[in-house]
C-alpha cells in the first residue's frame, strides 16, 4: 500500500481531452518529465493508486495531455477528473541541486539556531515572488536560499538558520 510519506503532490487532473482517453494534467512540478517515471500516483477516493502512462505531451508550461494505460475512452478519463496527482519519492533525484520545492512537502523543518524542529512542511506557497514554507502548525517561513543551510533527503529534513523571533519558542518541538 502506498503511504502519503512515500509521495509528494505535483498537480491535479482536469477534463478529458478528446475521445480516446487523454486527460489534461495541470502540474506545478515537471519532475515526471525530468526522470524516468513510468507511472504517476493518483488519489482516487482518498486511496493512492499508481497509474501507468502510455504517453504524454505538453500543451503549455503548466499543462500536459496524458494517456494512461487502460483508460481508453472519454468517459473513463472523466472519472479521473479532479484527482490529485502525486510523484513517488523513490523515483525523485536525491541530488540536492535537482530537488524541487514540491519534493520538500512532508519534510521536517529544523531550526539549527535553536536546535529544534520548527514543524513539518505541509505546503509550498509560490503564489508570490517570495516562496514560503507553510508548516503544519500554520506558520509561514521564507524559503530563502540564504536561510537554508542543508537539505537532507535521506532524513527528509530541511535545515535552516532562522532569525531569532521568527518562530515562538513554544511552537518549536525539542
Protein backbone atom coordinates (compact mmCIF):
# COMPACT_ATOMS: atom_id res chain seq x y z
CA UNK A 1 0.00 0.00 0.00
CA UNK A 2 1.29 3.45 -0.88
CA UNK A 3 1.63 5.77 2.11
CA UNK A 4 1.37 9.57 1.96
CA UNK A 5 5.01 9.85 3.15
CA UNK A 6 6.09 7.94 0.02
CA UNK A 7 4.81 10.60 -2.39
CA UNK A 8 4.57 14.36 -2.89
CA UNK A 9 1.92 16.38 -4.78
CA UNK A 10 2.70 17.64 -8.27
CA UNK A 11 -0.69 18.62 -9.68
CA UNK A 12 -4.30 17.77 -10.45
CA UNK A 13 -6.15 16.17 -13.36
CA UNK A 14 -8.54 18.31 -15.36
CA UNK A 15 -11.06 17.44 -18.03
CA UNK A 16 -10.72 14.72 -20.68
CA UNK A 17 -9.16 15.81 -23.97
CA UNK A 18 -10.71 14.14 -26.98
CA UNK A 19 -12.47 10.78 -27.03
CA UNK A 20 -9.57 8.30 -26.76
CA UNK A 21 -8.86 8.68 -23.03
CA UNK A 22 -6.40 11.57 -22.90
CA UNK A 23 -6.79 13.87 -19.92
CA UNK A 24 -5.43 17.31 -19.02
CA UNK A 25 -2.86 17.24 -16.25
CA UNK A 26 -2.27 20.62 -14.59
CA UNK A 27 1.12 20.32 -12.90
CA UNK A 28 3.22 22.53 -10.67
CA UNK A 29 6.33 20.34 -10.96
CA UNK A 30 7.55 18.69 -14.18
CA UNK A 31 9.56 16.02 -12.36
CA UNK A 32 7.64 13.32 -14.27
CA UNK A 33 9.38 14.59 -17.41
CA UNK A 34 12.84 15.05 -15.84
CA UNK A 35 13.05 11.48 -14.53
CA UNK A 36 12.40 8.03 -15.95
CA UNK A 37 8.92 7.74 -14.44
CA UNK A 38 6.60 5.20 -15.99
CA UNK A 39 3.72 5.98 -13.66
CA UNK A 40 2.10 8.65 -11.53
CA UNK A 41 0.16 8.20 -8.31
CA UNK A 42 -3.45 9.40 -8.25
CA UNK A 43 -5.62 9.91 -5.21
CA UNK A 44 -8.78 8.01 -6.09
CA UNK A 45 -11.40 8.12 -3.34
CA UNK A 46 -8.61 9.04 -0.87
CA UNK A 47 -6.58 5.95 -1.85
CA UNK A 48 -3.20 6.39 -3.55
CA UNK A 49 -3.18 4.33 -6.75
CA UNK A 50 -0.41 4.02 -9.38
CA UNK A 51 -1.44 4.74 -12.97
CA UNK A 52 0.99 3.85 -15.74
CA UNK A 53 1.39 6.37 -18.55
CA UNK A 54 1.22 5.27 -22.18
CA UNK A 55 2.33 8.69 -23.33
CA UNK A 56 2.10 12.39 -22.59
CA UNK A 57 2.71 15.62 -24.44
CA UNK A 58 2.93 19.17 -23.24
CA UNK A 59 0.12 21.56 -24.05
CA UNK A 60 1.82 24.54 -22.37
CA UNK A 61 4.18 25.28 -19.46
CA UNK A 62 1.73 24.07 -16.82
CA UNK A 63 -0.43 21.52 -18.61
CA UNK A 64 0.27 18.16 -20.21
CA UNK A 65 -2.10 15.81 -22.01
CA UNK A 66 -1.67 12.35 -20.50
CA UNK A 67 -2.85 8.99 -21.78
CA UNK A 68 -2.92 6.38 -19.01
CA UNK A 69 -2.88 2.64 -19.73
CA UNK A 70 -6.38 1.08 -19.81
CA UNK A 71 -8.09 4.50 -19.87
CA UNK A 72 -9.37 4.35 -23.43
CA UNK A 73 -12.49 6.49 -23.56
CA UNK A 74 -13.65 9.97 -22.70
CA UNK A 75 -15.98 8.51 -20.07
CA UNK A 76 -13.18 6.59 -18.29
CA UNK A 77 -10.95 9.69 -18.35
CA UNK A 78 -13.80 11.81 -16.94
CA UNK A 79 -13.89 9.53 -13.87
CA UNK A 80 -10.37 10.78 -13.03
CA UNK A 81 -11.19 14.48 -13.34
CA UNK A 82 -10.21 16.32 -10.18
CA UNK A 83 -7.88 13.62 -8.87
CA UNK A 84 -4.80 14.95 -7.15
CA UNK A 85 -1.57 13.70 -8.75
CA UNK A 86 1.48 12.65 -6.75
CA UNK A 87 5.00 11.57 -7.59
CA UNK A 88 6.81 8.73 -5.81
CA UNK A 89 9.73 9.94 -3.68
CA UNK A 90 11.70 6.79 -4.57
CA UNK A 91 11.89 7.92 -8.20
CA UNK A 92 12.91 11.51 -7.49
CA UNK A 93 16.53 12.54 -7.74
CA UNK A 94 18.36 12.70 -4.43
CA UNK A 95 20.73 15.37 -5.65
CA UNK A 96 20.15 18.49 -3.54
CA UNK A 97 20.69 20.66 -6.63
CA UNK A 98 17.90 18.92 -8.56
CA UNK A 99 15.34 18.78 -5.76
CA UNK A 100 12.13 20.70 -6.43
CA UNK A 101 10.05 22.73 -3.98
CA UNK A 102 7.21 20.20 -4.20
CA UNK A 103 9.53 17.40 -3.08
CA UNK A 104 10.05 19.18 0.23
CA UNK A 105 6.40 18.77 1.23
CA UNK A 106 6.34 16.39 4.16
CA UNK A 107 9.93 17.16 5.17
CA UNK A 108 10.72 18.28 8.72
CA UNK A 109 11.98 21.84 9.05
CA UNK A 110 14.80 22.01 11.61
CA UNK A 111 15.99 25.31 13.08
CA UNK A 112 19.75 24.98 13.60
CA UNK A 113 19.82 28.20 15.68
CA UNK A 114 17.64 26.70 18.43
CA UNK A 115 18.38 23.04 17.61
CA UNK A 116 14.66 22.33 17.48
CA UNK A 117 12.09 21.15 14.96
CA UNK A 118 10.02 24.11 13.74
CA UNK A 119 7.38 21.88 12.14
CA UNK A 120 6.61 19.73 9.12
CA UNK A 121 6.32 21.36 5.68
CA UNK A 122 2.65 20.96 4.76
CA UNK A 123 2.63 23.08 1.59
CA UNK A 124 4.68 25.44 -0.55
CA UNK A 125 3.25 28.88 -1.23
CA UNK A 126 4.73 30.06 -4.51
CA UNK A 127 1.95 32.49 -5.37
CA UNK A 128 4.31 35.46 -4.94
CA UNK A 129 7.95 36.08 -5.82
CA UNK A 130 8.89 35.13 -2.23
CA UNK A 131 8.38 31.39 -1.83
CA UNK A 132 7.15 30.31 1.61
CA UNK A 133 7.12 27.03 3.51
CA UNK A 134 3.70 26.54 5.11
CA UNK A 135 4.22 24.43 8.20
CA UNK A 136 1.65 22.02 9.65
CA UNK A 137 1.27 24.37 12.62
CA UNK A 138 0.20 27.24 10.32
CA UNK A 139 3.47 29.18 10.46
CA UNK A 140 4.87 30.60 7.21
CA UNK A 141 8.65 30.53 6.78
CA UNK A 142 10.51 32.23 3.91
CA UNK A 143 12.12 29.56 1.73
CA UNK A 144 15.11 31.75 1.09
CA UNK A 145 18.30 30.01 -0.09
CA UNK A 146 20.20 32.30 2.30
CA UNK A 147 18.36 30.70 5.25
CA UNK A 148 18.56 27.07 4.07
CA UNK A 149 21.82 25.50 5.23
CA UNK A 150 21.20 21.91 4.13
CA UNK A 151 18.58 19.59 2.67
CA UNK A 152 18.91 16.02 3.92
CA UNK A 153 16.90 13.85 1.51
CA UNK A 154 17.69 10.67 3.43
CA UNK A 155 16.26 12.04 6.70
CA UNK A 156 13.66 14.15 4.83
CA UNK A 157 14.75 17.26 6.69
CA UNK A 158 15.38 20.88 5.71
CA UNK A 159 17.91 22.57 7.98
CA UNK A 160 17.53 26.33 8.25
CA UNK A 161 19.17 29.17 10.13
CA UNK A 162 16.02 31.04 11.19
CA UNK A 163 16.34 34.58 12.56
CA UNK A 164 15.61 34.91 16.27
CA UNK A 165 11.96 35.76 16.91
CA UNK A 166 10.65 34.37 13.60
CA UNK A 167 9.17 31.44 15.49
CA UNK A 168 7.92 31.45 19.08
CA UNK A 169 9.83 29.06 21.33
CA UNK A 170 6.51 27.42 22.29
CA UNK A 171 5.82 26.32 18.70
CA UNK A 172 9.15 24.55 18.30
CA UNK A 173 9.49 20.95 19.39
CA UNK A 174 12.61 19.56 21.09
